[in-house]
Each structure stands twice: as structure tokens, then as C-alpha cells.
Amino acid sequence: MIRELPITTFSFPTSAIVWDVRDPQAYREGHVQSAQNQPMDSLNAELLATIPVAEPIYVLCGGGTKAGKAAVLLEALDQQRDIVILVGGTRAAKAAGMPIETEA
């Protein structure tokens, strides 16, 4: 099932599975805390198998387009999954003053 949640209302619990589906360069330039870089081309059944089915997977991108596509892809791979799109993505998080991390 695909759900949507505004990124500005997400509390980012430490145990949450948060995937930033942008390319590695965009991820390094700025991403929300605790997000792991999982570019669109890395999303597959083998990756999903590493995550317990009961765990929701939160996906985001820069603004929302790639996250929506990623959610559809993940749902097609495993319809039992709870996929949550963090609406607004990194841009909305930054605009709201949420912590953004960068990598050199």
C-alpha cells in the first residue's frame, strides 16, 4: 500500500527505513537526517528482502517526482509492503528549517 505523509510532519525515528531515491551526487549535496541513499536503479526484490515486511519504507527525493515513481516500483515488487512517500522531499524539509546533511 502506498501512503503519503508531508515530510514536515515526519519525526524521523531512528529505527525508520528512509530511502532517498535521488542519484548519489544529489544526495551528497544535501539530504535529510537518517536518509540512506537508494537510487531508483538500486531498487529491486533483493534489496526489499533485506527489510522486514512489517517495517514501513519511507521514500523521498528532491521534491516528489522520483519518490512517487519509486513507491510504485516498490509496490509492484511486493504488494504487502507499506510504502510511505514523504511529500515535499528534501526541498520542503530545507524550506521548513529541518536539519540537512551534506557530504564532501
PDB file of N, CA and C in Angstrom:
ATOM      1  N   MET A   1       0.840  -1.172   0.000  1.00  0.00           N
ATOM      2  CA  MET A   1       0.000   0.000   0.000  1.00  0.00           C
ATOM      3  C   MET A   1       0.892   1.244   0.000  1.00  0.00           C
ATOM      4  N   ILE A   2       0.526   2.213  -0.811  1.00  0.00           N
ATOM      5  CA  ILE A   2       1.257   3.475  -0.871  1.00  0.00           C
ATOM      6  C   ILE A   2       0.463   4.542  -0.121  1.00  0.00           C
ATOM      7  N   ARG A   3       1.153   5.221   0.787  1.00  0.00           N
ATOM      8  CA  ARG A   3       0.554   6.334   1.511  1.00  0.00           C
ATOM      9  C   ARG A   3       1.432   7.562   1.317  1.00  0.00           C
ATOM     10  N   GLU A   4       0.884   8.704   1.660  1.00  0.00           N
ATOM     11  CA  GLU A   4       1.651   9.944   1.608  1.00  0.00           C
ATOM     12  C   GLU A   4       1.645  10.603   2.979  1.00  0.00           C
ATOM     13  N   LEU A   5       2.757  11.233   3.304  1.00  0.00           N
ATOM     14  CA  LEU A   5       2.909  11.937   4.568  1.00  0.00           C
ATOM     15  C   LEU A   5       3.772  13.173   4.313  1.00  0.00           C
ATOM     16  N   PRO A   6       3.304  14.361   4.663  1.00  0.00           N
ATOM     17  CA  PRO A   6       4.153  15.542   4.473  1.00  0.00           C
ATOM     18  C   PRO A   6       5.455  15.373   5.256  1.00  0.00           C
ATOM     19  N   ILE A   7       6.559  15.629   4.604  1.00  0.00           N
ATOM     20  CA  ILE A   7       7.858  15.440   5.261  1.00  0.00           C
ATOM     21  C   ILE A   7       7.982  16.299   6.511  1.00  0.00           C
ATOM     22  N   THR A   8       7.311  17.432   6.525  1.00  0.00           N
ATOM     23  CA  THR A   8       7.409  18.342   7.672  1.00  0.00           C
ATOM     24  C   THR A   8       6.688  17.819   8.904  1.00  0.00           C
ATOM     25  N   THR A   9       5.898  16.763   8.759  1.00  0.00           N
ATOM     26  CA  THR A   9       5.213  16.175   9.913  1.00  0.00           C
ATOM     27  C   THR A   9       5.859  14.864  10.359  1.00  0.00           C
ATOM     28  N   PHE A  10       6.888  14.423   9.647  1.00  0.00           N
ATOM     29  CA  PHE A  10       7.561  13.161   9.961  1.00  0.00           C
ATOM     30  C   PHE A  10       8.606  13.401  11.034  1.00  0.00           C
ATOM     31  N   SER A  11       8.631  12.546  12.064  1.00  0.00           N
ATOM     32  CA  SER A  11       9.534  12.755  13.197  1.00  0.00           C
ATOM     33  C   SER A  11      10.890  12.064  13.044  1.00  0.00           C
ATOM     34  N   PHE A  12      11.094  11.291  11.991  1.00  0.00           N
ATOM     35  CA  PHE A  12      12.351  10.598  11.723  1.00  0.00           C
ATOM     36  C   PHE A  12      12.847   9.767  12.909  1.00  0.00           C
ATOM     37  N   PRO A  13      12.060   8.769  13.327  1.00  0.00           N
ATOM     38  CA  PRO A  13      12.548   7.884  14.390  1.00  0.00           C
ATOM     39  C   PRO A  13      13.812   7.166  13.922  1.00  0.00           C
ATOM     40  N   THR A  14      14.693   6.879  14.841  1.00  0.00           N
ATOM     41  CA  THR A  14      15.981   6.281  14.467  1.00  0.00           C
ATOM     42  C   THR A  14      15.829   4.916  13.813  1.00  0.00           C
ATOM     43  N   SER A  15      14.762   4.218  14.101  1.00  0.00           N
ATOM     44  CA  SER A  15      14.576   2.881  13.532  1.00  0.00           C
ATOM     45  C   SER A  15      13.906   2.894  12.156  1.00  0.00           C
ATOM     46  N   ALA A  16      13.486   4.060  11.684  1.00  0.00           N
ATOM     47  CA  ALA A  16      12.758   4.139  10.418  1.00  0.00           C
ATOM     48  C   ALA A  16      13.668   3.845   9.226  1.00  0.00           C
ATOM     49  N   ILE A  17      13.119   3.167   8.236  1.00  0.00           N
ATOM     50  CA  ILE A  17      13.799   2.919   6.968  1.00  0.00           C
ATOM     51  C   ILE A  17      13.429   4.077   6.039  1.00  0.00           C
ATOM     52  N   VAL A  18      14.388   4.982   5.816  1.00  0.00           N
ATOM     53  CA  VAL A  18      14.148   6.168   4.989  1.00  0.00           C
ATOM     54  C   VAL A  18      15.114   6.116   3.805  1.00  0.00           C
ATOM     55  N   TRP A  19      14.539   6.028   2.598  1.00  0.00           N
ATOM     56  CA  TRP A  19      15.355   5.942   1.391  1.00  0.00           C
ATOM     57  C   TRP A  19      15.209   7.204   0.562  1.00  0.00           C
ATOM     58  N   ASP A  20      16.326   7.844   0.294  1.00  0.00           N
ATOM     59  CA  ASP A  20      16.387   8.976  -0.624  1.00  0.00           C
ATOM     60  C   ASP A  20      16.729   8.365  -1.985  1.00  0.00           C
ATOM     61  N   VAL A  21      15.812   8.477  -2.935  1.00  0.00           N
ATOM     62  CA  VAL A  21      15.955   7.756  -4.207  1.00  0.00           C
ATOM     63  C   VAL A  21      16.617   8.589  -5.308  1.00  0.00           C
ATOM     64  N   ARG A  22      17.203   9.719  -4.940  1.00  0.00           N
ATOM     65  CA  ARG A  22      17.927  10.531  -5.923  1.00  0.00           C
ATOM     66  C   ARG A  22      19.281   9.911  -6.235  1.00  0.00           C
ATOM     67  N   ASP A  23      19.931  10.436  -7.266  1.00  0.00           N
ATOM     68  CA  ASP A  23      21.260   9.942  -7.631  1.00  0.00           C
ATOM     69  C   ASP A  23      22.258  10.320  -6.536  1.00  0.00           C
ATOM     70  N   PRO A  24      23.385   9.608  -6.460  1.00  0.00           N
ATOM     71  CA  PRO A  24      24.352   9.850  -5.382  1.00  0.00           C
ATOM     72  C   PRO A  24      24.847  11.293  -5.286  1.00  0.00           C
ATOM     73  N   GLN A  25      25.033  11.972  -6.411  1.00  0.00           N
ATOM     74  CA  GLN A  25      25.516  13.356  -6.374  1.00  0.00           C
ATOM     75  C   GLN A  25      24.499  14.273  -5.688  1.00  0.00           C
ATOM     76  N   ALA A  26      23.242  14.167  -6.064  1.00  0.00           N
ATOM     77  CA  ALA A  26      22.201  14.999  -5.441  1.00  0.00           C
ATOM     78  C   ALA A  26      22.092  14.685  -3.953  1.00  0.00           C
ATOM     79  N   TYR A  27      22.215  13.412  -3.585  1.00  0.00           N
ATOM     80  CA  TYR A  27      22.165  13.001  -2.184  1.00  0.00           C
ATOM     81  C   TYR A  27      23.305  13.654  -1.397  1.00  0.00           C
ATOM     82  N   ARG A  28      24.518  13.608  -1.942  1.00  0.00           N
ATOM     83  CA  ARG A  28      25.675  14.193  -1.251  1.00  0.00           C
ATOM     84  C   ARG A  28      25.524  15.697  -1.061  1.00  0.00           C
ATOM     85  N   GLU A  29      24.850  16.355  -1.997  1.00  0.00           N
ATOM     86  CA  GLU A  29      24.690  17.802  -1.927  1.00  0.00           C
ATOM     87  C   GLU A  29      23.740  18.238  -0.817  1.00  0.00           C
ATOM     88  N   GLY A  30      22.906  17.326  -0.338  1.00  0.00           N
ATOM     89  CA  GLY A  30      22.030  17.643   0.781  1.00  0.00           C
ATOM     90  C   GLY A  30      20.899  16.650   0.923  1.00  0.00           C
ATOM     91  N   HIS A  31      20.791  16.054   2.102  1.00  0.00           N
ATOM     92  CA  HIS A  31      19.732  15.082   2.382  1.00  0.00           C
ATOM     93  C   HIS A  31      19.293  15.205   3.835  1.00  0.00           C
ATOM     94  N   VAL A  32      18.082  14.715   4.111  1.00  0.00           N
ATOM     95  CA  VAL A  32      17.572  14.770   5.472  1.00  0.00           C
ATOM     96  C   VAL A  32      18.308  13.761   6.346  1.00  0.00           C
ATOM     97  N   GLN A  33      18.357  14.065   7.622  1.00  0.00           N
ATOM     98  CA  GLN A  33      19.000  13.170   8.584  1.00  0.00           C
ATOM     99  C   GLN A  33      18.420  11.775   8.482  1.00  0.00           C
ATOM    100  N   SER A  34      19.239  10.797   8.643  1.00  0.00           N
ATOM    101  CA  SER A  34      18.904   9.375   8.696  1.00  0.00           C
ATOM    102  C   SER A  34      18.470   8.775   7.369  1.00  0.00           C
ATOM    103  N   ALA A  35      18.404   9.566   6.299  1.00  0.00           N
ATOM    104  CA  ALA A  35      18.049   9.005   4.995  1.00  0.00           C
ATOM    105  C   ALA A  35      19.249   8.267   4.412  1.00  0.00           C
ATOM    106  N   GLN A  36      18.972   7.097   3.857  1.00  0.00           N
ATOM    107  CA  GLN A  36      20.001   6.326   3.165  1.00  0.00           C
ATOM    108  C   GLN A  36      19.812   6.525   1.674  1.00  0.00           C
ATOM    109  N   ASN A  37      20.906   6.638   0.947  1.00  0.00           N
ATOM    110  CA  ASN A  37      20.799   6.800  -0.499  1.00  0.00           C
ATOM    111  C   ASN A  37      20.521   5.452  -1.151  1.00  0.00           C
ATOM    112  N   GLN A  38      19.366   5.346  -1.782  1.00  0.00           N
ATOM    113  CA  GLN A  38      18.966   4.162  -2.546  1.00  0.00           C
ATOM    114  C   GLN A  38      18.435   4.672  -3.891  1.00  0.00           C
ATOM    115  N   PRO A  39      19.348   4.967  -4.844  1.00  0.00           N
ATOM    116  CA  PRO A  39      18.904   5.480  -6.136  1.00  0.00           C
ATOM    117  C   PRO A  39      17.884   4.549  -6.794  1.00  0.00           C
ATOM    118  N   MET A  40      17.061   5.133  -7.644  1.00  0.00           N
ATOM    119  CA  MET A  40      15.995   4.381  -8.317  1.00  0.00           C
ATOM    120  C   MET A  40      16.510   3.079  -8.926  1.00  0.00           C
ATOM    121  N   ASP A  41      17.674   3.119  -9.567  1.00  0.00           N
ATOM    122  CA  ASP A  41      18.167   1.915 -10.244  1.00  0.00           C
ATOM    123  C   ASP A  41      18.663   0.837  -9.283  1.00  0.00           C
ATOM    124  N   SER A  42      18.706   1.140  -7.977  1.00  0.00           N
ATOM    125  CA  SER A  42      19.125   0.126  -6.998  1.00  0.00           C
ATOM    126  C   SER A  42      17.935  -0.583  -6.351  1.00  0.00           C
ATOM    127  N   LEU A  43      16.726  -0.122  -6.637  1.00  0.00           N
ATOM    128  CA  LEU A  43      15.526  -0.701  -6.019  1.00  0.00           C
ATOM    129  C   LEU A  43      15.159  -1.997  -6.723  1.00  0.00           C
ATOM    130  N   ASN A  44      15.219  -3.091  -5.965  1.00  0.00           N
ATOM    131  CA  ASN A  44      14.897  -4.395  -6.539  1.00  0.00           C
ATOM    132  C   ASN A  44      14.422  -5.346  -5.437  1.00  0.00           C
ATOM    133  N   ALA A  45      14.014  -6.534  -5.849  1.00  0.00           N
ATOM    134  CA  ALA A  45      13.477  -7.526  -4.906  1.00  0.00           C
ATOM    135  C   ALA A  45      14.517  -7.955  -3.880  1.00  0.00           C
ATOM    136  N   GLU A  46      15.771  -8.041  -4.285  1.00  0.00           N
ATOM    137  CA  GLU A  46      16.825  -8.454  -3.358  1.00  0.00           C
ATOM    138  C   GLU A  46      16.998  -7.432  -2.234  1.00  0.00           C
ATOM    139  N   LEU A  47      16.943  -6.160  -2.592  1.00  0.00           N
ATOM    140  CA  LEU A  47      17.047  -5.109  -1.581  1.00  0.00           C
ATOM    141  C   LEU A  47      15.855  -5.176  -0.630  1.00  0.00           C
ATOM    142  N   LEU A  48      14.657  -5.320  -1.175  1.00  0.00           N
ATOM    143  CA  LEU A  48      13.459  -5.416  -0.328  1.00  0.00           C
ATOM    144  C   LEU A  48      13.535  -6.597   0.630  1.00  0.00           C
ATOM    145  N   ALA A  49      14.133  -7.682   0.192  1.00  0.00           N
ATOM    146  CA  ALA A  49      14.235  -8.883   1.022  1.00  0.00           C
ATOM    147  C   ALA A  49      15.073  -8.637   2.281  1.00  0.00           C
ATOM    148  N   THR A  50      15.884  -7.577   2.294  1.00  0.00           N
ATOM    149  CA  THR A  50      16.710  -7.273   3.466  1.00  0.00           C
ATOM    150  C   THR A  50      15.948  -6.500   4.536  1.00  0.00           C
ATOM    151  N   ILE A  51      14.735  -6.069   4.208  1.00  0.00           N
ATOM    152  CA  ILE A  51      13.920  -5.268   5.129  1.00  0.00           C
ATOM    153  C   ILE A  51      12.729  -6.102   5.586  1.00  0.00           C
ATOM    154  N   PRO A  52      12.486  -6.219   6.894  1.00  0.00           N
ATOM    155  CA  PRO A  52      11.317  -6.973   7.362  1.00  0.00           C
ATOM    156  C   PRO A  52      10.026  -6.428   6.737  1.00  0.00           C
ATOM    157  N   VAL A  53       9.137  -7.313   6.352  1.00  0.00           N
ATOM    158  CA  VAL A  53       7.890  -6.931   5.685  1.00  0.00           C
ATOM    159  C   VAL A  53       7.054  -5.991   6.558  1.00  0.00           C
ATOM    160  N   ALA A  54       7.120  -6.142   7.860  1.00  0.00           N
ATOM    161  CA  ALA A  54       6.315  -5.319   8.765  1.00  0.00           C
ATOM    162  C   ALA A  54       6.825  -3.878   8.869  1.00  0.00           C
ATOM    163  N   GLU A  55       8.047  -3.612   8.418  1.00  0.00           N
ATOM    164  CA  GLU A  55       8.629  -2.272   8.518  1.00  0.00           C
ATOM    165  C   GLU A  55       8.160  -1.397   7.358  1.00  0.00           C
ATOM    166  N   PRO A  56       7.577  -0.236   7.635  1.00  0.00           N
ATOM    167  CA  PRO A  56       7.255   0.673   6.533  1.00  0.00           C
ATOM    168  C   PRO A  56       8.547   1.206   5.912  1.00  0.00           C
ATOM    169  N   ILE A  57       8.490   1.483   4.640  1.00  0.00           N
ATOM    170  CA  ILE A  57       9.631   2.077   3.944  1.00  0.00           C
ATOM    171  C   ILE A  57       9.213   3.485   3.520  1.00  0.00           C
ATOM    172  N   TYR A  58       9.968   4.468   3.977  1.00  0.00           N
ATOM    173  CA  TYR A  58       9.699   5.868   3.661  1.00  0.00           C
ATOM    174  C   TYR A  58      10.604   6.271   2.505  1.00  0.00           C
ATOM    175  N   VAL A  59      10.024   6.848   1.464  1.00  0.00           N
ATOM    176  CA  VAL A  59      10.813   7.263   0.309  1.00  0.00           C
ATOM    177  C   VAL A  59      10.658   8.759   0.074  1.00  0.00           C
ATOM    178  N   LEU A  60      11.742   9.371  -0.352  1.00  0.00           N
ATOM    179  CA  LEU A  60      11.716  10.784  -0.678  1.00  0.00           C
ATOM    180  C   LEU A  60      12.736  11.067  -1.761  1.00  0.00           C
ATOM    181  N   CYS A  61      12.621  12.246  -2.333  1.00  0.00           N
ATOM    182  CA  CYS A  61      13.577  12.715  -3.330  1.00  0.00           C
ATOM    183  C   CYS A  61      13.736  14.210  -3.114  1.00  0.00           C
ATOM    184  N   GLY A  62      14.065  14.930  -4.172  1.00  0.00           N
ATOM    185  CA  GLY A  62      14.231  16.376  -4.036  1.00  0.00           C
ATOM    186  C   GLY A  62      12.914  17.097  -3.816  1.00  0.00           C
ATOM    187  N   GLY A  63      11.902  16.709  -4.594  1.00  0.00           N
ATOM    188  CA  GLY A  63      10.627  17.401  -4.499  1.00  0.00           C
ATOM    189  C   GLY A  63       9.408  16.500  -4.547  1.00  0.00           C
ATOM    190  N   GLY A  64       9.527  15.303  -5.093  1.00  0.00           N
ATOM    191  CA  GLY A  64       8.389  14.400  -5.083  1.00  0.00           C
ATOM    192  C   GLY A  64       8.213  13.507  -6.293  1.00  0.00           C
ATOM    193  N   THR A  65       8.748  13.879  -7.439  1.00  0.00           N
ATOM    194  CA  THR A  65       8.520  13.107  -8.653  1.00  0.00           C
ATOM    195  C   THR A  65       9.135  11.711  -8.579  1.00  0.00           C
ATOM    196  N   LYS A  66      10.424  11.628  -8.251  1.00  0.00           N
ATOM    197  CA  LYS A  66      11.094  10.325  -8.190  1.00  0.00           C
ATOM    198  C   LYS A  66      10.555   9.464  -7.055  1.00  0.00           C
ATOM    199  N   ALA A  67      10.195  10.075  -5.945  1.00  0.00           N
ATOM    200  CA  ALA A  67       9.674   9.310  -4.810  1.00  0.00           C
ATOM    201  C   ALA A  67       8.385   8.599  -5.194  1.00  0.00           C
ATOM    202  N   GLY A  68       7.520   9.260  -5.933  1.00  0.00           N
ATOM    203  CA  GLY A  68       6.281   8.636  -6.390  1.00  0.00           C
ATOM    204  C   GLY A  68       6.548   7.454  -7.298  1.00  0.00           C
ATOM    205  N   LYS A  69       7.490   7.614  -8.213  1.00  0.00           N
ATOM    206  CA  LYS A  69       7.856   6.520  -9.119  1.00  0.00           C
ATOM    207  C   LYS A  69       8.477   5.362  -8.343  1.00  0.00           C
ATOM    208  N   ALA A  70       9.318   5.689  -7.363  1.00  0.00           N
ATOM    209  CA  ALA A  70       9.949   4.656  -6.540  1.00  0.00           C
ATOM    210  C   ALA A  70       8.901   3.878  -5.755  1.00  0.00           C
ATOM    211  N   ALA A  71       7.916   4.581  -5.221  1.00  0.00           N
ATOM    212  CA  ALA A  71       6.860   3.917  -4.449  1.00  0.00           C
ATOM    213  C   ALA A  71       6.080   2.942  -5.319  1.00  0.00           C
ATOM    214  N   VAL A  72       5.757   3.344  -6.537  1.00  0.00           N
ATOM    215  CA  VAL A  72       5.041   2.460  -7.459  1.00  0.00           C
ATOM    216  C   VAL A  72       5.895   1.232  -7.780  1.00  0.00           C
ATOM    217  N   LEU A  73       7.180   1.441  -8.010  1.00  0.00           N
ATOM    218  CA  LEU A  73       8.087   0.326  -8.295  1.00  0.00           C
ATOM    219  C   LEU A  73       8.167  -0.632  -7.109  1.00  0.00           C
ATOM    220  N   LEU A  74       8.332  -0.108  -5.911  1.00  0.00           N
ATOM    221  CA  LEU A  74       8.429  -0.952  -4.718  1.00  0.00           C
ATOM    222  C   LEU A  74       7.140  -1.727  -4.480  1.00  0.00           C
ATOM    223  N   GLU A  75       6.013  -1.080  -4.691  1.00  0.00           N
ATOM    224  CA  GLU A  75       4.736  -1.769  -4.514  1.00  0.00           C
ATOM    225  C   GLU A  75       4.583  -2.883  -5.547  1.00  0.00           C
ATOM    226  N   ALA A  76       5.058  -2.661  -6.761  1.00  0.00           N
ATOM    227  CA  ALA A  76       4.988  -3.697  -7.799  1.00  0.00           C
ATOM    228  C   ALA A  76       5.866  -4.899  -7.432  1.00  0.00           C
ATOM    229  N   LEU A  77       6.969  -4.635  -6.755  1.00  0.00           N
ATOM    230  CA  LEU A  77       7.869  -5.714  -6.345  1.00  0.00           C
ATOM    231  C   LEU A  77       7.300  -6.519  -5.182  1.00  0.00           C
ATOM    232  N   ASP A  78       6.551  -5.858  -4.295  1.00  0.00           N
ATOM    233  CA  ASP A  78       5.994  -6.532  -3.120  1.00  0.00           C
ATOM    234  C   ASP A  78       4.769  -5.760  -2.635  1.00  0.00           C
ATOM    235  N   GLN A  79       3.594  -6.250  -2.966  1.00  0.00           N
ATOM    236  CA  GLN A  79       2.352  -5.552  -2.626  1.00  0.00           C
ATOM    237  C   GLN A  79       2.017  -5.592  -1.140  1.00  0.00           C
ATOM    238  N   GLN A  80       2.711  -6.403  -0.359  1.00  0.00           N
ATOM    239  CA  GLN A  80       2.474  -6.466   1.081  1.00  0.00           C
ATOM    240  C   GLN A  80       3.098  -5.287   1.821  1.00  0.00           C
ATOM    241  N   ARG A  81       3.989  -4.579   1.165  1.00  0.00           N
ATOM    242  CA  ARG A  81       4.757  -3.512   1.805  1.00  0.00           C
ATOM    243  C   ARG A  81       3.932  -2.259   2.056  1.00  0.00           C
ATOM    244  N   ASP A  82       4.280  -1.583   3.132  1.00  0.00           N
ATOM    245  CA  ASP A  82       3.726  -0.268   3.441  1.00  0.00           C
ATOM    246  C   ASP A  82       4.778   0.739   2.982  1.00  0.00           C
ATOM    247  N   ILE A  83       4.481   1.422   1.869  1.00  0.00           N
ATOM    248  CA  ILE A  83       5.399   2.397   1.300  1.00  0.00           C
ATOM    249  C   ILE A  83       4.830   3.788   1.570  1.00  0.00           C
ATOM    250  N   VAL A  84       5.638   4.653   2.162  1.00  0.00           N
ATOM    251  CA  VAL A  84       5.178   5.985   2.520  1.00  0.00           C
ATOM    252  C   VAL A  84       6.030   7.018   1.783  1.00  0.00           C
ATOM    253  N   ILE A  85       5.372   7.820   0.963  1.00  0.00           N
ATOM    254  CA  ILE A  85       6.065   8.904   0.264  1.00  0.00           C
ATOM    255  C   ILE A  85       6.121  10.105   1.197  1.00  0.00           C
ATOM    256  N   LEU A  86       7.328  10.601   1.444  1.00  0.00           N
ATOM    257  CA  LEU A  86       7.489  11.801   2.262  1.00  0.00           C
ATOM    258  C   LEU A  86       7.354  13.005   1.325  1.00  0.00           C
ATOM    259  N   VAL A  87       6.131  13.518   1.272  1.00  0.00           N
ATOM    260  CA  VAL A  87       5.754  14.551   0.317  1.00  0.00           C
ATOM    261  C   VAL A  87       6.516  15.849   0.571  1.00  0.00           C
ATOM    262  N   GLY A  88       7.016  16.410  -0.497  1.00  0.00           N
ATOM    263  CA  GLY A  88       7.774  17.660  -0.428  1.00  0.00           C
ATOM    264  C   GLY A  88       9.266  17.425  -0.522  1.00  0.00           C
ATOM    265  N   GLY A  89       9.691  16.254  -0.085  1.00  0.00           N
ATOM    266  CA  GLY A  89      11.092  15.874  -0.203  1.00  0.00           C
ATOM    267  C   GLY A  89      12.061  16.804   0.495  1.00  0.00           C
ATOM    268  N   THR A  90      13.300  16.722   0.028  1.00  0.00           N
ATOM    269  CA  THR A  90      14.384  17.472   0.641  1.00  0.00           C
ATOM    270  C   THR A  90      14.166  18.977   0.546  1.00  0.00           C
ATOM    271  N   ARG A  91      13.605  19.450  -0.566  1.00  0.00           N
ATOM    272  CA  ARG A  91      13.376  20.898  -0.711  1.00  0.00           C
ATOM    273  C   ARG A  91      12.425  21.409   0.368  1.00  0.00           C
ATOM    274  N   ALA A  92      11.339  20.694   0.621  1.00  0.00           N
ATOM    275  CA  ALA A  92      10.380  21.117   1.643  1.00  0.00           C
ATOM    276  C   ALA A  92      11.002  21.039   3.032  1.00  0.00           C
ATOM    277  N   ALA A  93      11.796  20.010   3.268  1.00  0.00           N
ATOM    278  CA  ALA A  93      12.463  19.879   4.570  1.00  0.00           C
ATOM    279  C   ALA A  93      13.402  21.058   4.798  1.00  0.00           C
ATOM    280  N   LYS A  94      14.176  21.395   3.774  1.00  0.00           N
ATOM    281  CA  LYS A  94      15.111  22.523   3.884  1.00  0.00           C
ATOM    282  C   LYS A  94      14.357  23.827   4.097  1.00  0.00           C
ATOM    283  N   ALA A  95      13.282  24.034   3.337  1.00  0.00           N
ATOM    284  CA  ALA A  95      12.495  25.259   3.465  1.00  0.00           C
ATOM    285  C   ALA A  95      11.873  25.395   4.852  1.00  0.00           C
ATOM    286  N   ALA A  96      11.566  24.273   5.490  1.00  0.00           N
ATOM    287  CA  ALA A  96      10.962  24.281   6.816  1.00  0.00           C
ATOM    288  C   ALA A  96      12.007  24.391   7.930  1.00  0.00           C
ATOM    289  N   GLY A  97      13.286  24.442   7.555  1.00  0.00           N
ATOM    290  CA  GLY A  97      14.340  24.563   8.554  1.00  0.00           C
ATOM    291  C   GLY A  97      14.748  23.251   9.201  1.00  0.00           C
ATOM    292  N   MET A  98      14.360  22.143   8.585  1.00  0.00           N
ATOM    293  CA  MET A  98      14.749  20.832   9.119  1.00  0.00           C
ATOM    294  C   MET A  98      16.241  20.617   8.853  1.00  0.00           C
ATOM    295  N   PRO A  99      16.914  19.817   9.700  1.00  0.00           N
ATOM    296  CA  PRO A  99      18.348  19.590   9.506  1.00  0.00           C
ATOM    297  C   PRO A  99      18.633  18.873   8.178  1.00  0.00           C
ATOM    298  N   ILE A 100      19.570  19.426   7.419  1.00  0.00           N
ATOM    299  CA  ILE A 100      20.010  18.850   6.148  1.00  0.00           C
ATOM    300  C   ILE A 100      21.491  18.544   6.276  1.00  0.00           C
ATOM    301  N   GLU A 101      21.881  17.342   5.895  1.00  0.00           N
ATOM    302  CA  GLU A 101      23.280  16.935   5.949  1.00  0.00           C
ATOM    303  C   GLU A 101      23.877  16.958   4.558  1.00  0.00           C
ATOM    304  N   THR A 102      25.141  17.291   4.458  1.00  0.00           N
ATOM    305  CA  THR A 102      25.859  17.247   3.190  1.00  0.00           C
ATOM    306  C   THR A 102      27.094  16.388   3.363  1.00  0.00           C
ATOM    307  N   GLU A 103      27.587  15.902   2.252  1.00  0.00           N
ATOM    308  CA  GLU A 103      28.808  15.092   2.264  1.00  0.00           C
ATOM    309  C   GLU A 103      29.794  15.680   1.258  1.00  0.00           C
ATOM    310  N   ALA A 104      31.036  15.700   1.639  1.00  0.00           N
ATOM    311  CA  ALA A 104      32.062  16.264   0.750  1.00  0.00           C
ATOM    312  C   ALA A 104      32.345  15.348  -0.413  1.00  0.00           C
TER     313      ALA A 104
END
